[in-house]
């Protein structure tokens, strides 16, 4: 799942996939703004075939938290 998320993340921000870790913070480390984050969540829904509660997902501050949330939906 991490590799797929890295690919999705790199679609929205100029980040080196190799440097993205579960501890990478969306806003502070990767440069996400709220619009890009919401758009990425839509791609996550399609990729992982889940329905994301945006209010819950918005509380995910780093990649690991989002992975844990997505794994809990599957």
N, C-alpha and C. Protein backbone atom coordinates (compact mmCIF):
# COMPACT_ATOMS: atom_id res chain seq x y z
N UNK A 1 0.82 -1.20 0.00
CA UNK A 1 0.00 0.00 0.00
C UNK A 1 0.87 1.26 0.00
N UNK A 2 1.98 1.22 0.69
CA UNK A 2 2.85 2.40 0.78
C UNK A 2 3.32 2.83 -0.62
N UNK A 3 3.72 1.88 -1.43
CA UNK A 3 4.22 2.22 -2.76
C UNK A 3 3.12 2.86 -3.61
N UNK A 4 1.90 2.37 -3.50
CA UNK A 4 0.78 2.95 -4.23
C UNK A 4 0.51 4.36 -3.75
N UNK A 5 0.53 4.55 -2.44
CA UNK A 5 0.32 5.90 -1.89
C UNK A 5 1.42 6.86 -2.35
N UNK A 6 2.65 6.38 -2.36
CA UNK A 6 3.75 7.24 -2.83
C UNK A 6 3.48 7.71 -4.26
N UNK A 7 3.03 6.80 -5.10
CA UNK A 7 2.73 7.14 -6.48
C UNK A 7 1.63 8.18 -6.56
N UNK A 8 0.57 8.00 -5.78
CA UNK A 8 -0.53 8.97 -5.76
C UNK A 8 -0.05 10.32 -5.24
N UNK A 9 0.75 10.31 -4.20
CA UNK A 9 1.27 11.55 -3.62
C UNK A 9 2.07 12.32 -4.66
N UNK A 10 2.91 11.62 -5.39
CA UNK A 10 3.78 12.28 -6.38
C UNK A 10 2.98 12.85 -7.56
N UNK A 11 1.75 12.41 -7.72
CA UNK A 11 0.87 12.99 -8.74
C UNK A 11 0.49 14.42 -8.37
N UNK A 12 0.44 14.71 -7.08
CA UNK A 12 -0.06 16.01 -6.60
C UNK A 12 1.01 16.97 -6.12
N UNK A 13 2.12 16.44 -5.66
CA UNK A 13 3.19 17.33 -5.17
C UNK A 13 4.52 16.89 -5.76
N UNK A 14 5.44 17.81 -5.80
CA UNK A 14 6.77 17.54 -6.34
C UNK A 14 7.63 16.95 -5.22
N UNK A 15 7.48 15.65 -5.04
CA UNK A 15 8.23 14.96 -3.99
C UNK A 15 8.93 13.76 -4.61
N UNK A 16 10.06 13.39 -4.03
CA UNK A 16 10.80 12.21 -4.45
C UNK A 16 10.18 11.01 -3.74
N UNK A 17 9.62 10.08 -4.52
CA UNK A 17 8.95 8.93 -3.93
C UNK A 17 9.85 8.17 -2.96
N UNK A 18 11.13 8.11 -3.25
CA UNK A 18 12.07 7.39 -2.39
C UNK A 18 12.20 8.02 -1.01
N UNK A 19 11.90 9.32 -0.92
CA UNK A 19 12.05 10.00 0.37
C UNK A 19 10.76 10.01 1.19
N UNK A 20 9.66 9.50 0.63
CA UNK A 20 8.38 9.49 1.36
C UNK A 20 8.35 8.29 2.28
N UNK A 21 8.09 8.55 3.55
CA UNK A 21 8.01 7.50 4.57
C UNK A 21 6.66 7.60 5.28
N UNK A 22 6.31 6.60 6.08
CA UNK A 22 5.06 6.72 6.86
C UNK A 22 5.04 7.94 7.78
N UNK A 23 6.21 8.44 8.13
CA UNK A 23 6.29 9.61 9.02
C UNK A 23 6.18 10.94 8.27
N UNK A 24 6.21 10.90 6.94
CA UNK A 24 6.13 12.13 6.14
C UNK A 24 4.78 12.81 6.37
N UNK A 25 4.85 14.09 6.76
CA UNK A 25 3.62 14.85 7.02
C UNK A 25 3.16 15.50 5.72
N UNK A 26 1.85 15.42 5.47
CA UNK A 26 1.32 15.90 4.21
C UNK A 26 1.60 17.38 3.98
N UNK A 27 1.27 18.22 4.92
CA UNK A 27 1.44 19.66 4.71
C UNK A 27 2.89 20.10 4.94
N UNK A 28 3.45 19.73 6.06
CA UNK A 28 4.77 20.24 6.45
C UNK A 28 5.92 19.66 5.62
N UNK A 29 5.87 18.36 5.34
CA UNK A 29 6.99 17.72 4.65
C UNK A 29 6.78 17.62 3.14
N UNK A 30 5.54 17.37 2.73
CA UNK A 30 5.28 17.10 1.32
C UNK A 30 4.70 18.29 0.56
N UNK A 31 4.23 19.29 1.28
CA UNK A 31 3.74 20.51 0.63
C UNK A 31 2.31 20.45 0.13
N UNK A 32 1.51 19.55 0.66
CA UNK A 32 0.11 19.47 0.26
C UNK A 32 -0.67 20.69 0.72
N UNK A 33 -1.59 21.15 -0.12
CA UNK A 33 -2.59 22.10 0.35
C UNK A 33 -3.90 21.30 0.48
N UNK A 34 -4.91 21.90 1.06
CA UNK A 34 -6.13 21.15 1.35
C UNK A 34 -6.81 20.65 0.08
N UNK A 35 -6.77 21.44 -0.99
CA UNK A 35 -7.41 21.01 -2.24
C UNK A 35 -6.72 19.77 -2.81
N UNK A 36 -5.39 19.81 -2.88
CA UNK A 36 -4.66 18.65 -3.40
C UNK A 36 -4.89 17.41 -2.55
N UNK A 37 -4.97 17.60 -1.24
CA UNK A 37 -5.18 16.46 -0.34
C UNK A 37 -6.55 15.82 -0.61
N UNK A 38 -7.58 16.64 -0.75
CA UNK A 38 -8.92 16.12 -1.02
C UNK A 38 -8.95 15.40 -2.36
N UNK A 39 -8.31 15.98 -3.36
CA UNK A 39 -8.23 15.33 -4.68
C UNK A 39 -7.52 13.98 -4.59
N UNK A 40 -6.44 13.93 -3.82
CA UNK A 40 -5.71 12.67 -3.65
C UNK A 40 -6.60 11.63 -2.97
N UNK A 41 -7.42 12.06 -2.01
CA UNK A 41 -8.32 11.12 -1.33
C UNK A 41 -9.28 10.50 -2.33
N UNK A 42 -9.74 11.30 -3.29
CA UNK A 42 -10.61 10.76 -4.33
C UNK A 42 -9.91 9.67 -5.13
N UNK A 43 -8.65 9.89 -5.44
CA UNK A 43 -7.87 8.87 -6.14
C UNK A 43 -7.68 7.63 -5.27
N UNK A 44 -7.50 7.84 -3.98
CA UNK A 44 -7.36 6.70 -3.05
C UNK A 44 -8.64 5.87 -3.04
N UNK A 45 -9.79 6.54 -3.07
CA UNK A 45 -11.07 5.81 -3.11
C UNK A 45 -11.12 4.91 -4.33
N UNK A 46 -10.73 5.45 -5.48
CA UNK A 46 -10.75 4.66 -6.72
C UNK A 46 -9.72 3.53 -6.67
N UNK A 47 -8.52 3.85 -6.23
CA UNK A 47 -7.42 2.88 -6.24
C UNK A 47 -7.66 1.71 -5.28
N UNK A 48 -8.17 2.02 -4.08
CA UNK A 48 -8.33 0.98 -3.05
C UNK A 48 -9.77 0.50 -2.91
N UNK A 49 -10.68 1.04 -3.75
CA UNK A 49 -12.09 0.66 -3.74
C UNK A 49 -12.70 0.77 -2.35
N UNK A 50 -12.56 1.96 -1.76
CA UNK A 50 -13.11 2.26 -0.44
C UNK A 50 -13.85 3.59 -0.51
N UNK A 51 -14.67 3.84 0.51
CA UNK A 51 -15.33 5.14 0.62
C UNK A 51 -14.73 5.85 1.82
N UNK A 52 -14.11 6.98 1.57
CA UNK A 52 -13.38 7.72 2.60
C UNK A 52 -14.26 8.80 3.20
N UNK A 53 -14.28 8.85 4.53
CA UNK A 53 -14.92 9.95 5.23
C UNK A 53 -13.90 11.08 5.28
N UNK A 54 -14.16 12.15 4.52
CA UNK A 54 -13.16 13.21 4.40
C UNK A 54 -12.87 13.89 5.74
N UNK A 55 -13.87 13.97 6.62
CA UNK A 55 -13.63 14.57 7.93
C UNK A 55 -12.66 13.74 8.75
N UNK A 56 -12.76 12.42 8.64
CA UNK A 56 -11.85 11.53 9.36
C UNK A 56 -10.47 11.58 8.71
N UNK A 57 -10.44 11.49 7.39
CA UNK A 57 -9.16 11.49 6.67
C UNK A 57 -8.41 12.80 6.87
N UNK A 58 -9.13 13.90 7.02
CA UNK A 58 -8.48 15.21 7.21
C UNK A 58 -7.68 15.25 8.50
N UNK A 59 -7.98 14.37 9.43
CA UNK A 59 -7.24 14.30 10.70
C UNK A 59 -5.93 13.54 10.56
N UNK A 60 -5.75 12.87 9.43
CA UNK A 60 -4.51 12.13 9.17
C UNK A 60 -3.43 13.14 8.79
N UNK A 61 -2.46 13.28 9.63
CA UNK A 61 -1.41 14.28 9.40
C UNK A 61 -0.22 13.75 8.64
N UNK A 62 -0.05 12.42 8.64
CA UNK A 62 1.09 11.86 7.91
C UNK A 62 0.67 10.63 7.12
N UNK A 63 1.57 10.14 6.31
CA UNK A 63 1.28 9.03 5.41
C UNK A 63 0.89 7.78 6.19
N UNK A 64 1.56 7.51 7.29
CA UNK A 64 1.26 6.33 8.09
C UNK A 64 -0.14 6.35 8.67
N UNK A 65 -0.59 7.52 9.11
CA UNK A 65 -1.94 7.63 9.65
C UNK A 65 -2.98 7.37 8.56
N UNK A 66 -2.73 7.88 7.35
CA UNK A 66 -3.65 7.64 6.25
C UNK A 66 -3.65 6.17 5.86
N UNK A 67 -2.48 5.54 5.85
CA UNK A 67 -2.40 4.11 5.54
C UNK A 67 -3.21 3.30 6.55
N UNK A 68 -3.07 3.61 7.82
CA UNK A 68 -3.80 2.88 8.87
C UNK A 68 -5.31 3.06 8.67
N UNK A 69 -5.72 4.29 8.35
CA UNK A 69 -7.15 4.55 8.12
C UNK A 69 -7.64 3.73 6.92
N UNK A 70 -6.89 3.76 5.82
CA UNK A 70 -7.32 3.03 4.61
C UNK A 70 -7.34 1.51 4.86
N UNK A 71 -6.37 1.01 5.60
CA UNK A 71 -6.34 -0.42 5.89
C UNK A 71 -7.55 -0.81 6.74
N UNK A 72 -7.99 0.08 7.62
CA UNK A 72 -9.16 -0.19 8.44
C UNK A 72 -10.45 -0.22 7.65
N UNK A 73 -10.45 0.39 6.48
CA UNK A 73 -11.65 0.40 5.64
C UNK A 73 -11.77 -0.85 4.79
N UNK A 74 -10.64 -1.50 4.54
CA UNK A 74 -10.63 -2.63 3.61
C UNK A 74 -11.13 -3.91 4.16
